Amino acid sequence: MEHTYKFLLRLGDDSLILGQRLAELCGHGPILEEDIALTNISLDLIGQATNIYTYAAELEGKGSDADALAFLRLEHQYLNVVLVEQPNGNFADTLVRQFFFDVYRKLLFEQLLTSTDKQLAAIAEKSLKETRYHLKHSSEWVIRLGDGTELSKERVQFAILDLWRYTDELFYMDETELHLANAGVIPNLKELKSSWMDQVLLVLNQATLNLPDNQGYFGAGRQGRHSEHMGFLLAQLQYMQRAYPNMQW
């Protein structure tokens, strides 16, 4: 149960932090349709986080709830990958970050449908419908930007080169994931990487974009060690609950 709880925090934190990043773009989309699309994806991710945290709080058994897990932890207690906390940057940065994450998340949810943990499988089933749309949206934009103007191609290519170093952490496994994989609760995350790479390359080839020769590696978010951006993000995310403890709408 302890391992499942920790995995749920990692899963939920990915959704919450990326949802918060996209929420920052509300009212700032490049076109009205895209403003609405990004806001809806943000709402989907925060909804996923709520379902995941609710289950995590039940397993913890300490009287906590989804709001407490979302708003009342310290920075080092969040276990999201460093990729999702990166700034929105320009539109290409936002879409490439989303695309890398969406491919991973779709593959993960597909595998979780057969989890021996029935509640986790149910969460995955509900979330997968949304995630398929997210991936369709981000992949189509990557292709459009890569195969667009000289400026759009330059920006999306730079975003790929900049964000690529954070992607390997998506497949991080420690004793938590190893234990759950052996019990059939989750897939072996490292085995997802080849499928993830195939799908990423399929889209990038259509977009006439390239991956860096040297992937590099940066990220210890799964262990609670984050980039310099995380503290600023949490200051915004947690402000109301910190300023007005236990407030409710």
Protein backbone atom coordinates (compact mmCIF):
# COMPACT_ATOMS: atom_id res chain seq x y z
CA MET A 1 0.00 0.00 0.00
CA GLU A 2 2.89 2.38 0.73
CA HIS A 3 4.29 1.80 -2.76
CA THR A 4 0.90 2.39 -4.39
CA TYR A 5 0.48 5.63 -2.42
CA LYS A 6 3.86 6.93 -3.57
CA PHE A 7 3.17 6.02 -7.19
CA LEU A 8 -0.20 7.80 -7.01
CA LEU A 9 1.53 10.94 -5.75
CA ARG A 10 3.92 10.81 -8.69
CA LEU A 11 1.03 10.28 -11.09
CA GLY A 12 -1.13 12.99 -9.55
CA ASP A 13 1.68 15.51 -9.20
CA ASP A 14 2.48 15.22 -12.91
CA SER A 15 -1.13 16.09 -13.71
CA LEU A 16 -1.46 18.89 -11.18
CA ILE A 17 1.76 20.71 -11.98
CA LEU A 18 1.29 20.55 -15.75
CA GLY A 19 -2.34 21.60 -15.29
CA GLN A 20 -1.17 24.59 -13.26
CA ARG A 21 1.34 25.54 -15.96
CA LEU A 22 -1.35 25.47 -18.65
CA ALA A 23 -3.74 27.42 -16.41
CA GLU A 24 -1.24 30.29 -16.54
CA LEU A 25 -2.04 30.61 -20.25
CA CYS A 26 -5.75 31.28 -19.74
CA GLY A 27 -6.44 34.45 -21.68
CA HIS A 28 -3.02 34.36 -23.32
CA GLY A 29 -3.48 31.87 -26.17
CA PRO A 30 -2.22 32.88 -29.63
CA ILE A 31 -5.76 32.57 -31.00
CA LEU A 32 -9.14 32.29 -29.25
CA GLU A 33 -9.67 28.63 -30.19
CA GLU A 34 -6.27 27.69 -28.82
CA ASP A 35 -6.83 29.67 -25.65
CA ILE A 36 -9.92 27.56 -24.98
CA ALA A 37 -8.17 24.31 -25.95
CA LEU A 38 -5.24 24.83 -23.57
CA THR A 39 -7.59 25.83 -20.76
CA ASN A 40 -9.67 22.69 -21.29
CA ILE A 41 -6.56 20.52 -21.22
CA SER A 42 -5.57 22.21 -17.96
CA LEU A 43 -8.98 21.40 -16.50
CA ASP A 44 -8.68 17.78 -17.65
CA LEU A 45 -5.30 17.41 -15.96
CA ILE A 46 -6.46 18.98 -12.71
CA GLY A 47 -9.52 16.72 -12.77
CA GLN A 48 -7.24 13.72 -13.20
CA ALA A 49 -5.14 14.92 -10.28
CA THR A 50 -8.25 15.22 -8.12
CA ASN A 51 -9.27 11.60 -8.81
CA ILE A 52 -5.75 10.33 -8.21
CA TYR A 53 -5.26 12.31 -4.99
CA THR A 54 -8.64 11.19 -3.66
CA TYR A 55 -7.57 7.56 -4.01
CA ALA A 56 -4.14 8.34 -2.55
CA ALA A 57 -5.72 9.99 0.50
CA GLU A 58 -7.91 6.91 1.04
CA LEU A 59 -4.86 4.67 0.98
CA GLU A 60 -2.92 6.96 3.32
CA GLY A 61 -5.72 6.70 5.87
CA LYS A 62 -4.79 9.83 7.82
CA GLY A 63 -7.92 11.85 7.23
CA SER A 64 -6.38 13.80 4.39
CA ASP A 65 -8.13 14.65 1.12
CA ALA A 66 -7.31 15.69 -2.44
CA ASP A 67 -7.10 19.40 -1.57
CA ALA A 68 -4.61 18.80 1.24
CA LEU A 69 -2.37 16.76 -1.04
CA ALA A 70 -2.59 19.38 -3.76
CA PHE A 71 -2.07 22.52 -1.67
CA LEU A 72 -0.44 21.73 1.66
CA ARG A 73 2.79 19.92 0.87
CA LEU A 74 6.26 21.43 0.73
CA GLU A 75 8.26 21.59 -2.48
CA HIS A 76 10.39 18.52 -1.76
CA GLN A 77 7.23 16.49 -1.11
CA TYR A 78 6.03 16.86 -4.70
CA LEU A 79 7.18 13.98 -6.92
CA ASN A 80 6.40 15.20 -10.44
CA VAL A 81 8.93 14.96 -13.24
CA VAL A 82 10.93 18.12 -13.85
CA LEU A 83 9.62 18.32 -17.43
CA VAL A 84 6.12 19.41 -16.40
CA GLU A 85 7.32 22.28 -14.19
CA GLN A 86 9.30 23.97 -16.97
CA PRO A 87 8.03 27.46 -17.92
CA ASN A 88 5.56 27.88 -20.74
CA GLY A 89 8.02 29.91 -22.80
CA ASN A 90 6.71 30.57 -26.29
CA PHE A 91 3.93 28.57 -27.96
CA ALA A 92 6.39 26.04 -29.37
CA ASP A 93 7.88 25.41 -25.91
CA THR A 94 4.41 24.80 -24.50
CA LEU A 95 3.41 22.39 -27.26
CA VAL A 96 6.64 20.37 -27.28
CA ARG A 97 6.50 19.95 -23.51
CA GLN A 98 2.90 18.82 -23.85
CA PHE A 99 3.67 16.49 -26.74
CA PHE A 100 6.50 14.65 -24.97
CA PHE A 101 4.28 14.21 -21.91
CA ASP A 102 1.14 13.22 -23.82
CA VAL A 103 2.85 10.37 -25.68
CA TYR A 104 4.15 8.97 -22.38
CA ARG A 105 0.86 9.43 -20.55
CA LYS A 106 -1.22 7.77 -23.27
CA LEU A 107 1.04 4.70 -23.27
CA LEU A 108 0.99 4.54 -19.47
CA PHE A 109 -2.79 4.78 -19.17
CA GLU A 110 -3.25 2.13 -21.86
CA GLN A 111 -1.10 -0.25 -19.82
CA LEU A 112 -2.83 0.65 -16.55
CA LEU A 113 -6.18 -0.53 -17.96
CA THR A 114 -5.10 -4.08 -17.05
CA SER A 115 -3.75 -3.16 -13.60
CA THR A 116 -4.45 -5.59 -10.78
CA ASP A 117 -5.51 -2.50 -8.80
CA LYS A 118 -9.08 -2.06 -10.05
CA GLN A 119 -9.45 1.51 -8.82
CA LEU A 120 -6.25 2.57 -10.55
CA ALA A 121 -7.46 0.84 -13.72
CA ALA A 122 -10.74 2.77 -13.50
CA ILE A 123 -8.89 6.07 -13.13
CA ALA A 124 -6.76 5.18 -16.16
CA GLU A 125 -9.81 4.31 -18.23
CA LYS A 126 -11.48 7.64 -17.52
CA SER A 127 -8.26 9.61 -18.04
CA LEU A 128 -7.29 7.84 -21.27
CA LYS A 129 -10.19 9.34 -23.21
CA GLU A 130 -8.97 12.83 -22.37
CA THR A 131 -5.31 11.99 -22.92
CA ARG A 132 -5.95 10.72 -26.44
CA TYR A 133 -7.39 14.13 -27.29
CA HIS A 134 -4.45 15.88 -25.64
CA LEU A 135 -2.00 13.89 -27.77
CA LYS A 136 -3.96 14.53 -30.96
CA HIS A 137 -3.90 18.24 -30.21
CA SER A 138 -0.20 18.53 -29.32
CA SER A 139 1.07 16.25 -32.10
CA GLU A 140 -0.90 18.08 -34.79
CA TRP A 141 0.52 21.38 -33.59
CA VAL A 142 4.09 20.06 -33.56
CA ILE A 143 3.63 18.98 -37.18
CA ARG A 144 2.04 22.29 -38.13
CA LEU A 145 4.83 24.32 -36.53
CA GLY A 146 7.63 22.13 -37.88
CA ASP A 147 6.26 22.16 -41.39
CA GLY A 148 5.23 25.82 -41.24
CA THR A 149 7.19 29.03 -41.57
CA GLU A 150 10.93 29.36 -41.12
CA LEU A 151 10.37 31.05 -37.75
CA SER A 152 7.91 28.44 -36.45
CA LYS A 153 10.24 25.62 -37.50
CA GLU A 154 13.19 27.30 -35.79
CA ARG A 155 11.27 27.78 -32.56
CA VAL A 156 9.84 24.28 -32.35
CA GLN A 157 13.23 22.75 -33.17
CA PHE A 158 14.86 24.78 -30.42
CA ALA A 159 12.13 23.70 -27.97
CA ILE A 160 12.88 20.04 -28.78
CA LEU A 161 16.60 20.53 -28.21
CA ASP A 162 15.94 22.37 -24.95
CA LEU A 163 13.35 20.01 -23.42
CA TRP A 164 14.76 16.69 -24.60
CA ARG A 165 17.08 16.36 -21.59
CA TYR A 166 14.07 16.15 -19.26
CA THR A 167 12.32 13.28 -21.02
CA ASP A 168 14.29 10.32 -19.69
CA GLU A 169 12.94 10.95 -16.19
CA LEU A 170 9.50 9.91 -17.44
CA PHE A 171 10.76 6.33 -17.30
CA TYR A 172 12.38 6.56 -13.86
CA MET A 173 11.96 3.49 -11.66
CA ASP A 174 13.01 2.88 -8.08
CA GLU A 175 11.87 0.27 -5.56
CA THR A 176 8.33 1.67 -5.70
CA GLU A 177 7.80 1.09 -9.42
CA LEU A 178 9.73 -2.19 -9.38
CA HIS A 179 7.54 -3.55 -6.59
CA LEU A 180 4.32 -2.47 -8.30
CA ALA A 181 5.46 -3.76 -11.70
CA ASN A 182 6.23 -7.18 -10.20
CA ALA A 183 2.76 -7.22 -8.63
CA GLY A 184 1.06 -6.33 -11.94
CA VAL A 185 -0.18 -2.98 -10.63
CA ILE A 186 1.76 -0.92 -13.17
CA PRO A 187 3.79 -1.71 -16.30
CA ASN A 188 7.56 -1.72 -16.34
CA LEU A 189 8.10 1.94 -17.21
CA LYS A 190 11.47 1.36 -18.83
CA GLU A 191 9.79 -0.98 -21.31
CA LEU A 192 7.50 1.87 -22.39
CA LYS A 193 10.42 3.92 -23.65
CA SER A 194 10.87 2.17 -27.00
CA SER A 195 7.18 2.61 -27.86
CA TRP A 196 7.37 6.22 -26.70
CA MET A 197 10.40 6.83 -28.91
CA ASP A 198 8.69 5.25 -31.93
CA GLN A 199 5.65 7.50 -31.56
CA VAL A 200 7.73 10.61 -30.97
CA LEU A 201 9.85 9.93 -34.06
CA LEU A 202 6.77 9.25 -36.17
CA VAL A 203 5.46 12.74 -35.47
CA LEU A 204 8.83 14.50 -35.69
CA ASN A 205 9.54 12.88 -39.05
CA GLN A 206 6.25 14.23 -40.39
CA ALA A 207 7.19 17.62 -38.99
CA THR A 208 10.69 17.45 -40.56
CA LEU A 209 12.22 17.99 -37.12
CA ASN A 210 15.27 16.38 -35.52
CA LEU A 211 16.20 14.99 -32.13
CA PRO A 212 19.54 15.92 -30.53
CA ASP A 213 22.40 13.47 -30.99
CA ASN A 214 23.15 13.46 -27.28
CA GLN A 215 20.08 13.20 -25.08
CA GLY A 216 21.72 14.21 -21.83
CA TYR A 217 19.82 13.86 -18.60
CA PHE A 218 18.41 16.24 -16.05
CA GLY A 219 15.76 15.59 -13.47
CA ALA A 220 15.29 14.27 -9.96
CA GLY A 221 11.70 15.37 -9.47
CA ARG A 222 10.62 11.82 -8.69
CA GLN A 223 12.85 12.10 -5.63
CA GLY A 224 11.55 15.54 -4.66
CA ARG A 225 14.44 17.57 -6.09
CA HIS A 226 13.14 20.17 -8.50
CA SER A 227 14.27 22.96 -10.80
CA GLU A 228 14.38 26.61 -9.75
CA HIS A 229 10.95 27.10 -11.34
CA MET A 230 9.02 24.88 -8.94
CA GLY A 231 9.00 27.19 -5.93
CA PHE A 232 7.52 30.06 -7.93
CA LEU A 233 4.86 27.76 -9.38
CA LEU A 234 3.85 26.51 -5.92
CA ALA A 235 3.70 30.07 -4.57
CA GLN A 236 0.92 30.74 -7.08
CA LEU A 237 -0.76 27.35 -6.73
CA GLN A 238 -0.89 27.34 -2.93
CA TYR A 239 -1.48 31.03 -2.23
CA MET A 240 -5.17 30.92 -1.30
CA GLN A 241 -4.89 27.91 1.01
CA ARG A 242 -1.78 29.34 2.68
CA ALA A 243 -3.34 32.79 3.12
CA TYR A 244 -6.75 31.48 4.21
CA PRO A 245 -6.24 28.04 5.78
CA ASN A 246 -9.07 25.53 5.35
CA MET A 247 -11.06 27.87 3.16
CA GLN A 248 -13.86 26.34 1.10
CA TRP A 249 -15.98 27.71 -1.71
